[in-house]
Protein backbone atom coordinates (compact mmCIF):
# COMPACT_ATOMS: atom_id res chain seq x y z
CA MET A 1 -19.89 -18.80 -15.30
CA LEU A 2 -18.74 -15.84 -13.20
CA ARG A 3 -16.11 -13.80 -15.01
CA THR A 4 -14.34 -10.55 -14.29
CA SER A 5 -11.23 -9.27 -16.00
CA SER A 6 -8.27 -11.63 -15.62
CA PHE A 7 -5.98 -8.64 -16.03
CA VAL A 8 -4.90 -6.39 -13.19
CA ARG A 9 -7.14 -3.37 -12.99
CA ALA A 10 -5.80 -1.19 -10.21
CA ASP A 11 -6.38 2.34 -11.51
CA PHE A 12 -9.09 2.95 -8.93
CA LEU A 13 -6.56 2.32 -6.16
CA LYS A 14 -4.89 5.60 -7.10
CA ASN A 15 -8.10 7.52 -6.42
CA LYS A 16 -7.52 9.61 -3.31
CA SER A 17 -11.27 10.07 -2.71
CA LEU A 18 -11.96 6.42 -1.90
CA THR A 19 -14.67 5.94 0.69
CA LEU A 20 -12.73 3.06 2.21
CA LEU A 21 -14.14 3.55 5.71
CA GLY A 22 -17.58 4.75 4.72
CA GLY A 23 -16.89 8.44 5.17
CA ILE A 24 -15.43 8.23 8.68
CA SER A 25 -11.81 9.14 9.36
CA ALA A 26 -9.13 6.61 10.13
CA HIS A 27 -8.85 8.21 13.58
CA GLU A 28 -12.57 7.63 14.26
CA PHE A 29 -12.38 4.09 12.95
CA LEU A 30 -9.48 3.24 15.29
CA ALA A 31 -11.16 4.88 18.26
CA THR A 32 -14.63 3.42 17.75
CA TYR A 33 -14.35 0.14 15.83
CA TRP A 34 -10.83 -1.31 15.69
CA GLN A 35 -10.66 -4.39 17.94
CA LYS A 36 -14.01 -3.34 19.43
CA LYS A 37 -16.95 -4.01 17.11
CA PRO A 38 -17.80 -4.77 13.48
CA LEU A 39 -18.41 -2.15 10.82
CA LEU A 40 -20.35 -2.59 7.58
CA ILE A 41 -19.24 -0.22 4.81
CA ARG A 42 -21.39 0.06 1.72
CA GLY A 43 -19.49 1.09 -1.40
CA ALA A 44 -16.09 1.08 0.32
CA ILE A 45 -14.44 0.91 -3.12
CA PRO A 46 -16.99 1.95 -5.74
CA GLY A 47 -16.73 -0.07 -8.92
CA PHE A 48 -14.57 -2.78 -7.37
CA THR A 49 -15.07 -6.23 -8.89
CA GLY A 50 -11.63 -7.66 -8.23
CA PHE A 51 -8.27 -8.31 -9.85
CA LEU A 52 -8.77 -11.90 -10.94
CA ASP A 53 -11.46 -13.93 -12.60
CA ARG A 54 -12.39 -17.42 -11.49
CA ASP A 55 -10.08 -19.13 -13.97
CA ALA A 56 -7.08 -16.98 -13.02
CA LEU A 57 -7.57 -17.76 -9.33
CA LEU A 58 -7.88 -21.47 -10.05
CA GLN A 59 -4.74 -21.28 -12.16
CA ALA A 60 -2.85 -19.67 -9.27
CA SER A 61 -3.79 -22.58 -7.01
CA LEU A 62 -1.97 -25.01 -9.36
CA ASN A 63 1.35 -23.38 -8.43
CA ASP A 64 3.32 -25.07 -5.65
CA GLU A 65 4.66 -21.67 -4.56
CA VAL A 66 1.13 -20.44 -3.78
CA GLU A 67 -0.67 -21.38 -0.57
CA SER A 68 -4.22 -22.53 -1.28
CA ARG A 69 -7.05 -24.56 0.25
CA LEU A 70 -10.20 -26.15 -1.12
CA VAL A 71 -13.22 -26.51 1.15
CA ALA A 72 -16.11 -28.61 -0.11
CA HIS A 73 -19.29 -29.76 1.58
CA LYS A 74 -22.49 -31.61 0.94
CA GLY A 75 -24.93 -31.54 3.82
CA ASN A 76 -22.96 -32.18 7.01
CA GLN A 77 -20.04 -33.76 5.17
CA TRP A 78 -17.02 -31.47 4.90
CA HIS A 79 -13.76 -31.90 2.99
CA LEU A 80 -10.55 -29.86 3.27
CA GLY A 81 -7.78 -30.10 0.69
CA ARG A 82 -4.51 -28.23 0.41
CA GLY A 83 -2.81 -27.14 -2.78
CA PRO A 84 -1.21 -27.25 -5.16
CA PHE A 85 -4.25 -28.55 -7.01
CA SER A 86 -4.89 -29.85 -10.50
CA PRO A 87 -7.84 -28.96 -12.76
CA LYS A 88 -9.63 -32.21 -11.88
CA HIS A 89 -10.09 -30.98 -8.30
CA PHE A 90 -12.54 -28.35 -9.55
CA ARG A 91 -14.70 -30.73 -11.59
CA ARG A 92 -17.12 -31.51 -8.80
CA LYS A 93 -20.83 -31.37 -8.04
CA ASP A 94 -20.77 -30.47 -4.34
CA LEU A 95 -20.55 -26.94 -2.93
CA TRP A 96 -16.95 -25.71 -2.86
CA THR A 97 -14.76 -22.75 -2.04
CA LEU A 98 -11.20 -22.12 -3.18
CA LEU A 99 -9.08 -19.90 -0.92
CA VAL A 100 -5.76 -18.54 -2.17
CA GLN A 101 -3.50 -16.91 0.44
CA GLY A 102 -0.83 -14.29 -0.11
CA VAL A 103 -2.19 -12.87 -3.37
CA ASN A 104 -0.23 -9.71 -2.52
CA LEU A 105 2.98 -11.75 -2.83
CA PHE A 106 2.55 -12.34 -6.55
CA LEU A 107 0.06 -9.73 -7.78
CA PRO A 108 1.06 -6.03 -7.67
CA ALA A 109 -2.57 -4.92 -7.48
CA GLY A 110 -2.97 -7.07 -4.38
CA ASP A 111 -0.06 -5.31 -2.72
CA GLN A 112 -1.50 -1.93 -3.73
CA LEU A 113 -4.81 -2.86 -2.13
CA LEU A 114 -3.11 -3.75 1.16
CA ARG A 115 -1.31 -0.41 1.22
CA LYS A 116 -4.67 1.40 1.25
CA PHE A 117 -4.96 0.11 4.82
CA ASP A 118 -1.74 1.77 5.98
CA PHE A 119 -3.59 3.42 8.89
CA ILE A 120 -2.91 0.04 10.51
CA PRO A 121 0.84 -0.61 11.14
CA TYR A 122 2.50 -2.98 8.68
CA ALA A 123 3.72 -4.94 11.71
CA ARG A 124 0.11 -6.14 12.11
CA LEU A 125 -0.39 -6.97 8.44
CA ASP A 126 -0.75 -10.61 7.43
CA ASP A 127 -1.81 -10.94 3.81
CA LEU A 128 -4.52 -10.72 1.16
CA MET A 129 -6.59 -13.84 0.65
CA VAL A 130 -8.91 -14.18 -2.34
CA SER A 131 -11.66 -16.78 -2.39
CA TYR A 132 -14.01 -18.08 -5.04
CA ALA A 133 -17.22 -19.86 -4.03
CA THR A 134 -19.92 -21.65 -5.96
CA ASP A 135 -23.55 -20.73 -5.32
CA GLY A 136 -24.43 -21.59 -1.71
CA ALA A 137 -20.88 -22.47 -0.72
CA GLY A 138 -18.91 -21.27 2.29
CA VAL A 139 -16.47 -22.55 4.89
CA GLY A 140 -18.99 -22.76 7.71
CA PRO A 141 -19.51 -20.54 10.78
CA HIS A 142 -16.18 -19.98 12.47
CA LEU A 143 -13.91 -17.66 14.47
CA ASP A 144 -10.65 -16.00 13.37
CA ASN A 145 -7.68 -15.00 15.50
CA TYR A 146 -7.09 -11.87 13.44
CA ASP A 147 -8.72 -8.63 12.38
CA VAL A 148 -10.13 -8.85 8.88
CA PHE A 149 -11.67 -6.59 6.26
CA LEU A 150 -13.95 -8.65 3.99
CA LEU A 151 -14.14 -6.81 0.68
CA GLN A 152 -16.64 -8.15 -1.82
CA GLY A 153 -15.40 -8.61 -5.37
CA ALA A 154 -17.56 -10.03 -8.14
CA GLY A 155 -20.91 -11.50 -7.15
CA LYS A 156 -22.67 -11.38 -3.79
CA ARG A 157 -22.11 -13.00 -0.41
CA ARG A 158 -24.41 -13.17 2.61
CA TRP A 159 -22.57 -12.59 5.90
CA SER A 160 -24.02 -13.53 9.27
CA ILE A 161 -22.17 -12.52 12.44
CA SER A 162 -22.49 -13.07 16.17
CA ALA A 163 -20.80 -11.93 19.38
CA GLN A 164 -21.63 -15.28 21.02
CA GLN A 165 -19.36 -16.72 23.69
CA ASP A 166 -20.21 -20.34 22.88
CA HIS A 167 -17.19 -21.51 20.87
CA THR A 168 -18.02 -25.23 20.88
CA LEU A 169 -16.86 -26.88 17.66
CA VAL A 170 -18.44 -29.58 15.53
CA ASP A 171 -16.74 -32.92 16.15
CA GLY A 172 -15.31 -35.07 13.41
CA VAL A 173 -14.82 -32.47 10.66
CA PRO A 174 -11.49 -31.16 9.30
CA LEU A 175 -12.49 -27.53 9.91
CA LYS A 176 -13.10 -25.52 13.07
CA ILE A 177 -16.83 -25.06 12.53
CA LEU A 178 -18.97 -23.64 15.32
CA LYS A 179 -21.56 -26.12 16.51
CA ASN A 180 -24.11 -23.67 17.93
CA PHE A 181 -23.85 -20.60 15.70
CA GLN A 182 -26.58 -18.06 16.51
CA PRO A 183 -26.30 -14.99 14.22
CA ASP A 184 -27.15 -11.55 15.57
CA GLN A 185 -26.90 -9.61 12.30
CA GLU A 186 -26.95 -10.44 8.60
CA TRP A 187 -26.19 -8.58 5.38
CA VAL A 188 -25.73 -9.32 1.70
CA LEU A 189 -22.55 -7.66 0.40
CA GLU A 190 -22.35 -6.57 -3.22
CA PRO A 191 -19.25 -5.64 -5.25
CA GLY A 192 -17.28 -2.92 -3.46
CA ASP A 193 -18.99 -3.41 -0.08
CA MET A 194 -16.79 -4.29 2.91
CA LEU A 195 -17.25 -5.72 6.39
CA TYR A 196 -14.71 -5.25 9.19
CA LEU A 197 -14.59 -7.89 11.94
CA PRO A 198 -12.40 -7.89 15.07
CA PRO A 199 -10.87 -11.17 16.26
CA GLN A 200 -13.11 -13.83 17.80
CA TRP A 201 -16.34 -12.60 16.23
CA ALA A 202 -18.30 -15.57 14.95
CA HIS A 203 -19.18 -15.25 11.27
CA ASP A 204 -20.46 -17.25 8.34
CA GLY A 205 -20.27 -16.23 4.67
CA VAL A 206 -22.44 -17.94 2.05
CA ALA A 207 -22.19 -17.21 -1.67
CA VAL A 208 -25.34 -15.85 -3.33
CA GLY A 209 -24.60 -17.14 -6.79
CA GLU A 210 -20.92 -17.52 -7.69
CA CYS A 211 -18.80 -14.90 -5.94
CA MET A 212 -15.29 -13.78 -5.04
CA THR A 213 -14.23 -12.18 -1.77
CA TYR A 214 -11.01 -10.34 -0.88
CA SER A 215 -9.94 -10.74 2.75
CA ILE A 216 -7.40 -8.28 4.15
CA GLY A 217 -6.08 -9.89 7.33
CA PHE A 218 -4.17 -8.40 10.26
CA ARG A 219 -2.40 -10.64 12.77
CA ALA A 220 -3.59 -10.75 16.38
CA ALA A 221 -1.56 -13.66 17.68
CA PRO A 222 -2.66 -15.47 20.86
CA ALA A 223 -0.31 -15.04 23.83
CA GLN A 224 0.58 -18.74 23.78
CA GLU A 225 1.66 -18.51 20.13
CA LEU A 226 3.86 -15.47 20.87
CA ALA A 227 5.38 -17.22 23.87
CA GLN A 228 6.18 -20.32 21.85
CA GLY A 229 7.79 -18.25 19.10
CA PHE A 230 9.80 -16.24 21.62
CA LEU A 231 11.11 -19.36 23.35
CA GLU A 232 12.19 -20.74 19.98
CA PHE A 233 13.94 -17.42 19.30
CA LEU A 234 15.76 -17.64 22.63
CA GLN A 235 16.76 -21.20 21.84
CA ASP A 236 18.53 -19.95 18.72
CA THR A 237 20.12 -16.89 20.33
CA VAL A 238 20.90 -17.63 23.99
CA VAL A 239 24.17 -19.41 24.83
CA LEU A 240 24.80 -20.61 28.40
CA GLU A 241 28.30 -21.60 29.41
CA GLY A 242 29.25 -24.52 31.65
CA ARG A 243 27.57 -27.86 32.19
CA TYR A 244 25.86 -29.80 34.95
CA GLN A 245 28.38 -31.21 37.44
CA ASP A 246 28.31 -32.87 40.86
CA PRO A 247 31.84 -33.69 42.02
CA ALA A 248 30.62 -33.77 45.64
CA LEU A 249 27.93 -36.37 44.89
CA LYS A 250 26.96 -38.45 47.97
CA LEU A 251 25.20 -41.76 48.24
CA HIS A 252 21.41 -41.53 47.94
CA ASN A 253 18.85 -43.51 49.87
CA HIS A 254 16.70 -43.75 46.69
CA ALA A 255 18.37 -44.29 43.32
CA ALA A 256 15.24 -43.07 41.48
CA GLU A 257 14.94 -39.78 43.36
CA ILE A 258 15.66 -36.41 41.70
CA SER A 259 17.70 -34.68 44.37
CA LYS A 260 17.15 -31.21 45.76
CA GLU A 261 20.77 -30.42 44.83
CA MET A 262 20.16 -31.28 41.16
CA ILE A 263 17.01 -29.16 41.03
CA ASP A 264 18.81 -26.22 42.68
CA GLN A 265 21.78 -26.39 40.30
CA VAL A 266 19.63 -26.58 37.15
CA ALA A 267 17.41 -23.79 38.45
CA ALA A 268 20.50 -21.60 38.90
CA MET A 269 21.56 -22.38 35.33
CA LEU A 270 18.18 -21.46 33.88
CA GLU A 271 18.06 -18.23 35.86
CA LYS A 272 20.84 -17.04 33.55
CA VAL A 273 18.37 -17.00 30.65
CA ARG A 274 17.56 -13.30 30.58
CA TRP A 275 15.86 -10.95 28.14
CA ASP A 276 15.02 -7.29 27.92
CA ARG A 277 13.14 -4.96 25.57
CA GLN A 278 15.93 -5.18 23.00
CA THR A 279 15.56 -8.97 22.95
CA VAL A 280 11.80 -8.68 22.49
CA ARG A 281 12.30 -6.10 19.74
CA ALA A 282 14.71 -8.39 17.91
CA PHE A 283 12.27 -11.30 18.22
CA LEU A 284 9.32 -9.28 16.91
CA GLY A 285 11.26 -7.74 14.04
CA CYS A 286 12.65 -11.07 12.85
CA ALA A 287 9.39 -12.98 13.38
CA LEU A 288 7.12 -10.40 11.73
CA THR A 289 9.29 -10.15 8.62
CA GLU A 290 10.18 -13.84 8.30
CA PRO A 291 8.91 -15.09 4.92
CA LYS A 292 6.37 -17.90 5.04
CA PRO A 293 7.74 -21.38 4.34
CA HIS A 294 6.54 -21.47 0.73
CA VAL A 295 8.07 -18.08 -0.17
CA TYR A 296 11.32 -18.04 -2.09
CA PHE A 297 13.27 -15.11 -3.49
CA GLN A 298 14.75 -15.20 -6.97
CA PRO A 299 17.94 -13.18 -7.49
CA PRO A 300 18.20 -11.51 -10.89
CA LYS A 301 19.47 -13.97 -13.51
CA ARG A 302 21.92 -11.39 -14.85
CA PRO A 303 22.46 -8.85 -12.07
CA LEU A 304 23.81 -5.48 -13.06
CA SER A 305 27.22 -4.43 -11.85
CA HIS A 306 27.25 -2.00 -8.95
CA ALA A 307 27.99 0.94 -11.26
CA ARG A 308 25.25 0.03 -13.77
CA PHE A 309 22.79 -0.62 -10.95
CA GLN A 310 23.44 2.85 -9.53
CA ILE A 311 22.82 4.47 -12.92
CA ALA A 312 19.61 2.50 -13.42
CA ALA A 313 18.41 3.15 -9.86
CA ASN A 314 18.99 6.89 -10.20
CA LYS A 315 16.92 6.89 -13.37
CA ARG A 316 14.17 4.41 -12.52
CA GLY A 317 14.16 4.06 -8.72
CA VAL A 318 13.78 0.83 -6.75
CA VAL A 319 10.91 -1.02 -5.10
CA LEU A 320 10.75 -3.72 -2.48
CA ASP A 321 9.94 -7.09 -3.97
CA LEU A 322 6.29 -8.04 -3.38
CA ARG A 323 7.47 -10.83 -1.09
CA SER A 324 9.73 -8.56 1.00
CA GLN A 325 8.73 -7.16 4.36
CA LEU A 326 10.80 -4.31 5.80
CA LEU A 327 10.04 -3.02 9.30
CA PHE A 328 12.01 -0.91 11.73
CA SER A 329 12.19 0.10 15.39
CA GLY A 330 14.28 3.16 16.08
CA GLY A 331 17.54 2.65 14.21
CA THR A 332 17.14 -1.13 13.90
CA PHE A 333 15.80 -2.57 10.64
CA PHE A 334 14.37 -5.98 9.86
CA LEU A 335 14.15 -7.31 6.32
CA ASN A 336 12.85 -10.79 5.61
CA GLY A 337 13.80 -12.15 9.03
CA GLU A 338 17.24 -10.54 9.22
CA MET A 339 18.23 -7.68 11.56
CA THR A 340 20.44 -4.69 10.72
CA GLU A 341 21.40 -2.14 13.39
CA SER A 342 23.91 0.57 14.31
CA LEU A 343 23.30 2.48 11.09
CA PRO A 344 24.16 6.18 10.60
CA ALA A 345 21.37 8.73 10.63
CA GLU A 346 21.40 9.14 6.83
CA ALA A 347 20.92 5.42 6.29
CA CYS A 348 18.07 5.34 8.80
CA ARG A 349 16.23 8.15 7.02
CA THR A 350 16.57 6.41 3.65
CA LEU A 351 15.54 2.98 4.89
CA ARG A 352 12.60 4.34 6.89
CA LYS A 353 11.29 5.91 3.71
CA LEU A 354 11.79 2.64 1.88
CA ALA A 355 9.95 0.76 4.64
CA ASP A 356 7.00 3.19 4.72
CA THR A 357 6.54 3.68 0.97
CA ARG A 358 8.15 0.44 -0.26
CA GLU A 359 10.00 2.38 -2.95
CA LEU A 360 12.67 4.98 -3.56
CA SER A 361 12.26 7.15 -6.63
CA ASN A 362 15.87 8.37 -6.80
CA LEU A 363 19.08 7.16 -5.19
CA SER A 364 21.35 10.00 -6.29
CA ASP A 365 21.47 11.46 -2.76
CA VAL A 366 21.97 8.13 -1.02
CA ALA A 367 25.34 7.76 0.72
CA PRO A 368 27.67 5.06 -0.69
CA PRO A 369 27.42 2.68 2.32
CA THR A 370 23.62 2.75 2.15
CA LEU A 371 23.72 2.27 -1.61
CA ASP A 372 26.00 -0.74 -1.08
CA ARG A 373 23.41 -2.26 1.25
CA ILE A 374 20.59 -1.64 -1.22
CA TYR A 375 22.68 -3.17 -4.00
CA GLU A 376 23.26 -6.25 -1.83
CA TRP A 377 19.50 -6.58 -1.31
CA TYR A 378 19.03 -6.24 -5.08
CA GLN A 379 21.44 -9.12 -5.66
CA LEU A 380 19.43 -11.27 -3.22
CA GLY A 381 16.14 -10.48 -4.96
CA PHE A 382 14.77 -8.49 -2.01
CA ILE A 383 14.67 -5.27 -4.05
CA ASN A 384 13.90 -4.69 -7.72
CA LEU A 385 14.45 -1.87 -10.16
CA ARG A 386 11.22 -0.09 -11.03
């Protein structure tokens, strides 16, 4: 049975000499590869075998607060299950893969790993997914709508990729599996190796023996998805006054006809739905920081008083909860789907640092109004003492 340490082993993440991009600079990576073409990086994180062993990952999938999927197949028969699971789900003889999403939301080492990719804006960051696969297992050739770094943990996985334009899917299966996958390139990744893929590159990963893979995903939402989300945002924020009225209504020749006058009046009403860059900014900030449906925050059971919190924060510092997402645009801040604006310059400097580094080592120089806000976030469970 495949085993790595079930304990967090993140010391290597502090090593500033990591060859994360294979010796090229972040600037070169963005200019040459990002959203353009794949990149294979041998030894991206030397010595990396992962944070979890098989049993620890399976245990995580039993939790109803963790998003997980189980993909199993035998020949052309595919099965997709969604967690939470029970141990009996893993006592099977077919080929299977367990995928656990949002590992960064409950494992500090997972969050630390994501922060090594901070040359990509946090606004693009989705999450860290960890998968375990039995020998020969995979999820089939498919496409993703996001950028992804596929970092190999314990074991080996064979990746095949293709730039094909044929996106026809296999009918009658619960997964979006490409019907006519024709690989252009193929590699076997060993522990610490990493493969970057832009969106819409066809790929297929097959375990060579038992293996675990760490997928660092970055959102690249389709235009239709953004439009749908924006319209829902407008629905919750736009208020139009008045109502439809027709006091001068005349007899119609056809009772079933929608009149030109009705169309004109409703069109004039809808023309009042307006938005500008500030509206789009508010939508993006709230949408990008909105916690996923299964994420819940737990306020401290015995929160410190404001005075005791200040003393402790000055001594120990504070960190954003693993589940918190804090982004900003100018002087407007977005934390877990909520917007805060019109802040003084001092508060903006402090909160920008918190957003970028996800921690504040000392709050002794923080102005009282800003400290009050941080204390409020502490009471909600958005921020923790270090």
